[in-house]
Amino acid sequence: MSEHVKVIDGKVSIKPVLDWAYQLITKGLAGGAVEIAIRRHEEGRSNEQNKKSWAMYTDIANQLEWHGVKMEKEDWKVLLTNEWKPQSIIPAISGGFCVLNAKTSKAKKAEMADLIEIVYSFGSSHGVVWSEPAIACYAEYKESQK
């Protein structure tokens, strides 16, 4: 049975979610035991955080080289994400190596905030002049963290 998730964000949502869970549990028991887990909900990254990080990767890609190599914004994302969550290098199927990257799409809001701080610190320490979109997004982001 696959994982099913619902968020309860107030008393009014308790009964509908419990009714939904009851229906799923009843169906699931036909295939064996069912596991139920209750945990604190953590919000995923926001659209604003995603937009901010890509504006920053773009600024860095437009202004910097890494060890003499001009990189695309997607490459900078991989490099800087490694500072946030180190990646693994494994042998590739056909020889050589394969890098297993961390996934920012699954990052929680607080984790994405940490990554944005890493990117901002790196860019600023390497002389990146932030564009208007990056500055505007960063100002909005900092204000929302208060």
Protein backbone atom coordinates (compact mmCIF):
# COMPACT_ATOMS: atom_id res chain seq x y z
CA MET A 1 0.00 0.00 0.00
CA SER A 2 1.34 3.42 -0.87
CA GLU A 3 1.74 6.32 1.53
CA HIS A 4 -1.20 8.70 1.92
CA VAL A 5 -0.84 12.04 3.69
CA LYS A 6 -3.34 14.59 4.99
CA VAL A 7 -2.60 17.64 7.12
CA ILE A 8 -4.81 18.55 10.07
CA ASP A 9 -4.54 22.29 10.60
CA GLY A 10 -7.43 22.91 12.95
CA LYS A 11 -10.23 21.23 14.84
CA VAL A 12 -12.64 21.44 11.90
CA SER A 13 -10.37 19.28 9.75
CA ILE A 14 -10.02 16.44 12.28
CA LYS A 15 -13.24 14.53 11.55
CA PRO A 16 -12.98 14.60 7.72
CA VAL A 17 -9.38 13.42 7.90
CA LEU A 18 -10.25 10.65 10.37
CA ASP A 19 -13.13 9.54 8.12
CA TRP A 20 -10.73 9.50 5.15
CA ALA A 21 -8.17 7.52 7.18
CA TYR A 22 -10.83 5.03 8.30
CA GLN A 23 -11.78 4.32 4.68
CA LEU A 24 -8.14 3.81 3.67
CA ILE A 25 -7.39 1.60 6.67
CA THR A 26 -10.45 -0.55 6.00
CA LYS A 27 -9.37 -1.10 2.37
CA GLY A 28 -5.73 -1.59 3.34
CA LEU A 29 -6.40 -4.27 5.96
CA ALA A 30 -7.45 -6.63 3.19
CA GLY A 31 -3.77 -6.80 2.19
CA GLY A 32 -2.35 -7.12 5.73
CA ALA A 33 -1.43 -4.91 8.65
CA VAL A 34 -1.49 -1.14 8.15
CA GLU A 35 0.92 1.30 9.81
CA ILE A 36 -0.25 4.73 10.98
CA ALA A 37 2.20 7.52 11.88
CA ILE A 38 1.39 10.91 13.38
CA ARG A 39 4.01 13.63 13.16
CA ARG A 40 4.30 17.40 13.24
CA HIS A 41 3.73 18.86 9.77
CA GLU A 42 6.63 20.86 8.34
CA GLU A 43 5.89 23.12 5.41
CA GLY A 44 7.79 22.49 2.22
CA ARG A 45 9.79 25.18 0.49
CA SER A 46 7.77 28.14 -0.71
CA ASN A 47 7.45 29.38 -4.26
CA GLU A 48 9.17 32.58 -3.10
CA GLN A 49 12.15 30.59 -1.82
CA ASN A 50 12.40 28.67 -5.08
CA LYS A 51 12.16 31.87 -7.13
CA LYS A 52 14.78 33.51 -4.91
CA SER A 53 17.28 30.67 -5.19
CA TRP A 54 17.04 30.59 -9.01
CA ALA A 55 17.52 34.36 -9.24
CA MET A 56 20.66 33.94 -7.14
CA TYR A 57 22.01 31.00 -9.20
CA THR A 58 21.44 33.09 -12.34
CA ASP A 59 23.38 36.05 -10.92
CA ILE A 60 26.26 33.79 -9.91
CA ALA A 61 26.30 32.03 -13.31
CA ASN A 62 26.36 35.38 -15.12
CA GLN A 63 29.24 36.75 -13.05
CA LEU A 64 31.52 33.96 -11.89
CA GLU A 65 33.67 31.13 -13.14
CA TRP A 66 34.63 28.17 -10.99
CA HIS A 67 38.28 27.20 -11.39
CA GLY A 68 38.29 28.73 -14.86
CA VAL A 69 35.03 27.08 -15.92
CA LYS A 70 31.96 29.13 -16.89
CA MET A 71 28.97 27.20 -15.54
CA GLU A 72 25.23 27.32 -16.14
CA LYS A 73 22.85 28.22 -13.31
CA GLU A 74 21.83 24.53 -13.00
CA ASP A 75 25.49 23.61 -12.40
CA TRP A 76 25.83 26.29 -9.73
CA LYS A 77 22.72 24.89 -8.06
CA VAL A 78 24.34 21.45 -7.86
CA LEU A 79 27.65 22.87 -6.57
CA LEU A 80 26.05 25.09 -3.94
CA THR A 81 23.50 22.46 -2.89
CA ASN A 82 26.49 20.25 -2.07
CA GLU A 83 27.47 22.80 0.59
CA TRP A 84 24.01 22.41 2.11
CA LYS A 85 23.74 18.63 1.91
CA PRO A 86 26.88 16.85 0.73
CA GLN A 87 26.27 14.57 -2.20
CA SER A 88 27.47 11.03 -2.79
CA ILE A 89 29.71 9.86 -5.60
CA ILE A 90 29.20 6.26 -6.68
CA PRO A 91 30.58 4.14 -9.51
CA ALA A 92 28.53 4.61 -12.69
CA ILE A 93 27.07 1.61 -14.48
CA SER A 94 29.18 2.08 -17.64
CA GLY A 95 32.37 3.22 -15.92
CA GLY A 96 33.36 6.53 -14.42
CA PHE A 97 31.34 8.03 -11.61
CA CYS A 98 27.84 9.30 -10.90
CA VAL A 99 26.96 12.08 -8.44
CA LEU A 100 23.79 11.62 -6.40
CA ASN A 101 22.46 15.13 -5.78
CA ALA A 102 20.38 16.38 -2.88
CA LYS A 103 16.82 17.30 -3.86
CA THR A 104 15.73 20.84 -3.11
CA SER A 105 12.22 20.03 -4.33
CA LYS A 106 11.74 18.01 -1.15
CA ALA A 107 13.32 20.61 1.14
CA LYS A 108 11.37 21.95 4.07
CA LYS A 109 11.01 25.71 4.48
CA ALA A 110 13.71 25.93 7.16
CA GLU A 111 16.12 23.81 5.10
CA MET A 112 15.61 26.00 2.05
CA ALA A 113 16.26 29.07 4.20
CA ASP A 114 19.63 27.54 5.17
CA LEU A 115 20.50 26.90 1.52
CA ILE A 116 19.60 30.47 0.53
CA GLU A 117 21.91 31.77 3.26
CA ILE A 118 24.74 29.55 1.94
CA VAL A 119 24.20 30.81 -1.64
CA TYR A 120 24.01 34.44 -0.50
CA SER A 121 27.16 34.10 1.60
CA PHE A 122 29.08 32.41 -1.23
CA GLY A 123 28.02 34.94 -3.85
CA SER A 124 28.67 37.94 -1.65
CA SER A 125 32.11 36.69 -0.63
CA HIS A 126 32.99 36.23 -4.33
CA GLY A 127 31.90 39.73 -5.34
CA VAL A 128 28.55 38.90 -6.94
CA VAL A 129 26.48 42.01 -7.54
CA TRP A 130 22.94 40.83 -6.93
CA SER A 131 20.36 41.71 -9.59
CA GLU A 132 17.13 43.50 -8.81
CA PRO A 133 15.10 40.21 -8.87
CA ALA A 134 17.53 38.58 -6.44
CA ILE A 135 17.58 41.63 -4.13
CA ALA A 136 13.78 41.93 -4.16
CA CYS A 137 13.33 38.22 -3.45
CA TYR A 138 15.95 38.32 -0.68
CA ALA A 139 14.27 41.32 0.97
CA GLU A 140 10.89 39.54 0.89
CA TYR A 141 12.50 36.37 2.21
CA LYS A 142 14.26 38.14 5.12
CA GLU A 143 11.04 39.98 6.04
CA SER A 144 9.08 36.70 6.11
CA GLN A 145 11.67 35.16 8.47
CA LYS A 146 10.91 37.74 11.23
